[in-house]
Amino acid sequence: MANHDALTGAYNRRYLASEGEILLEHAYRNGHNLSAIVLDLDTFKKVNDTYGVTGSLGVVTTPGDTKVNLNELLVAADAALYEAKHAGGN
């Protein structure tokens, strides 16, 4: 069975179930932090019924694309906090 969604490319719950504990142990052993974001698209059938299969594809593929934007946001937030700290604003 696949460990990622064929449409979005995002990891799925099978991946989390099979690799989550390994990743957690690795992070703990190496003193790293570990975060996970789990999304559940509730009532997706309504989106599919309203916009059709073609329209709903844009909704489904967006979460996988968001991982890059989230990473950019975290890097920018970290840089802003670092800058504020050195400017005496923290």
C-alpha atoms as a PDB file:
ATOM      1  CA  MET A   1       0.000   0.000   0.000  1.00  0.00           C
ATOM      2  CA  ALA A   2       1.144   3.539  -0.755  1.00  0.00           C
ATOM      3  CA  ASN A   3       2.362   5.831   1.999  1.00  0.00           C
ATOM      4  CA  HIS A   4       1.347   8.998   0.171  1.00  0.00           C
ATOM      5  CA  ASP A   5      -1.752  10.272  -1.552  1.00  0.00           C
ATOM      6  CA  ALA A   6      -1.538   9.744  -5.312  1.00  0.00           C
ATOM      7  CA  LEU A   7      -3.322  13.019  -6.083  1.00  0.00           C
ATOM      8  CA  THR A   8      -1.675  15.462  -3.667  1.00  0.00           C
ATOM      9  CA  GLY A   9       1.638  13.734  -3.023  1.00  0.00           C
ATOM     10  CA  ALA A  10       1.176  14.348   0.710  1.00  0.00           C
ATOM     11  CA  TYR A  11       1.944  11.596   3.202  1.00  0.00           C
ATOM     12  CA  ASN A  12      -1.142   9.759   4.414  1.00  0.00           C
ATOM     13  CA  ARG A  13      -2.139   8.095   7.666  1.00  0.00           C
ATOM     14  CA  ARG A  14      -0.456   4.832   6.603  1.00  0.00           C
ATOM     15  CA  TYR A  15       2.854   6.681   6.530  1.00  0.00           C
ATOM     16  CA  LEU A  16       2.193   8.189   9.952  1.00  0.00           C
ATOM     17  CA  ALA A  17       1.253   4.778  11.347  1.00  0.00           C
ATOM     18  CA  SER A  18       4.292   3.011   9.897  1.00  0.00           C
ATOM     19  CA  GLU A  19       6.961   5.708  10.229  1.00  0.00           C
ATOM     20  CA  GLY A  20       5.709   8.055  12.960  1.00  0.00           C
ATOM     21  CA  GLU A  21       7.232   6.208  15.890  1.00  0.00           C
ATOM     22  CA  ILE A  22      10.542   5.801  14.055  1.00  0.00           C
ATOM     23  CA  LEU A  23      10.658   9.527  13.282  1.00  0.00           C
ATOM     24  CA  LEU A  24       9.769  10.399  16.873  1.00  0.00           C
ATOM     25  CA  GLU A  25      12.487   8.121  18.273  1.00  0.00           C
ATOM     26  CA  HIS A  26      15.047   9.535  15.831  1.00  0.00           C
ATOM     27  CA  ALA A  27      14.184  13.123  16.799  1.00  0.00           C
ATOM     28  CA  TYR A  28      14.332  12.312  20.514  1.00  0.00           C
ATOM     29  CA  ARG A  29      17.625  10.439  20.212  1.00  0.00           C
ATOM     30  CA  ASN A  30      19.241  13.315  18.281  1.00  0.00           C
ATOM     31  CA  GLY A  31      17.753  16.139  20.342  1.00  0.00           C
ATOM     32  CA  HIS A  32      15.605  17.446  17.487  1.00  0.00           C
ATOM     33  CA  ASN A  33      12.083  18.790  17.580  1.00  0.00           C
ATOM     34  CA  LEU A  34       9.379  17.049  15.578  1.00  0.00           C
ATOM     35  CA  SER A  35       6.104  18.507  14.352  1.00  0.00           C
ATOM     36  CA  ALA A  36       3.280  17.073  12.305  1.00  0.00           C
ATOM     37  CA  ILE A  37       0.233  18.615  10.715  1.00  0.00           C
ATOM     38  CA  VAL A  38      -2.712  16.324  10.151  1.00  0.00           C
ATOM     39  CA  LEU A  39      -5.534  17.519   7.922  1.00  0.00           C
ATOM     40  CA  ASP A  40      -8.937  15.947   7.609  1.00  0.00           C
ATOM     41  CA  LEU A  41     -11.090  17.321   4.831  1.00  0.00           C
ATOM     42  CA  ASP A  42     -14.499  17.027   6.478  1.00  0.00           C
ATOM     43  CA  THR A  43     -17.618  16.919   4.329  1.00  0.00           C
ATOM     44  CA  PHE A  44     -15.551  16.702   1.153  1.00  0.00           C
ATOM     45  CA  LYS A  45     -18.486  14.977  -0.531  1.00  0.00           C
ATOM     46  CA  LYS A  46     -20.329  18.329  -0.430  1.00  0.00           C
ATOM     47  CA  VAL A  47     -17.452  20.005  -2.269  1.00  0.00           C
ATOM     48  CA  ASN A  48     -17.415  17.230  -4.848  1.00  0.00           C
ATOM     49  CA  ASP A  49     -21.203  17.386  -5.289  1.00  0.00           C
ATOM     50  CA  THR A  50     -21.182  21.186  -5.599  1.00  0.00           C
ATOM     51  CA  TYR A  51     -18.192  21.710  -7.895  1.00  0.00           C
ATOM     52  CA  GLY A  52     -17.890  18.319  -9.564  1.00  0.00           C
ATOM     53  CA  VAL A  53     -14.801  16.166  -9.802  1.00  0.00           C
ATOM     54  CA  THR A  54     -12.870  18.730 -11.858  1.00  0.00           C
ATOM     55  CA  GLY A  55     -13.633  21.597  -9.485  1.00  0.00           C
ATOM     56  CA  SER A  56     -12.844  19.583  -6.401  1.00  0.00           C
ATOM     57  CA  LEU A  57      -9.373  18.642  -7.672  1.00  0.00           C
ATOM     58  CA  GLY A  58      -8.148  22.167  -6.916  1.00  0.00           C
ATOM     59  CA  VAL A  59      -9.303  21.818  -3.332  1.00  0.00           C
ATOM     60  CA  VAL A  60      -7.665  18.436  -2.885  1.00  0.00           C
ATOM     61  CA  THR A  61      -4.304  19.365  -4.378  1.00  0.00           C
ATOM     62  CA  THR A  62      -3.957  22.578  -2.372  1.00  0.00           C
ATOM     63  CA  PRO A  63      -2.985  20.953   0.988  1.00  0.00           C
ATOM     64  CA  GLY A  64       0.004  19.198  -0.586  1.00  0.00           C
ATOM     65  CA  ASP A  65       1.120  22.461  -2.168  1.00  0.00           C
ATOM     66  CA  THR A  66       0.764  24.245   1.160  1.00  0.00           C
ATOM     67  CA  LYS A  67       3.712  22.419   2.735  1.00  0.00           C
ATOM     68  CA  VAL A  68       6.134  24.621   0.781  1.00  0.00           C
ATOM     69  CA  ASN A  69       4.298  27.802   1.783  1.00  0.00           C
ATOM     70  CA  LEU A  70       4.204  26.690   5.419  1.00  0.00           C
ATOM     71  CA  ASN A  71       7.946  26.092   5.381  1.00  0.00           C
ATOM     72  CA  GLU A  72       8.491  29.571   3.936  1.00  0.00           C
ATOM     73  CA  LEU A  73       6.253  31.036   6.660  1.00  0.00           C
ATOM     74  CA  LEU A  74       8.180  29.272   9.419  1.00  0.00           C
ATOM     75  CA  VAL A  75      11.527  30.430   8.039  1.00  0.00           C
ATOM     76  CA  ALA A  76      10.253  34.024   7.781  1.00  0.00           C
ATOM     77  CA  ALA A  77       8.817  33.915  11.321  1.00  0.00           C
ATOM     78  CA  ASP A  78      12.085  32.553  12.690  1.00  0.00           C
ATOM     79  CA  ALA A  79      14.056  35.282  10.920  1.00  0.00           C
ATOM     80  CA  ALA A  80      11.700  37.978  12.256  1.00  0.00           C
ATOM     81  CA  LEU A  81      12.056  36.698  15.830  1.00  0.00           C
ATOM     82  CA  TYR A  82      15.834  36.588  15.497  1.00  0.00           C
ATOM     83  CA  GLU A  83      15.879  40.140  14.129  1.00  0.00           C
ATOM     84  CA  ALA A  84      13.581  41.399  16.912  1.00  0.00           C
ATOM     85  CA  LYS A  85      15.765  39.753  19.544  1.00  0.00           C
ATOM     86  CA  HIS A  86      18.902  41.458  18.267  1.00  0.00           C
ATOM     87  CA  ALA A  87      17.100  44.790  17.905  1.00  0.00           C
ATOM     88  CA  GLY A  88      16.069  44.616  21.557  1.00  0.00           C
ATOM     89  CA  GLY A  89      12.394  44.153  20.767  1.00  0.00           C
ATOM     90  CA  ASN A  90      12.059  40.796  22.432  1.00  0.00           C
END
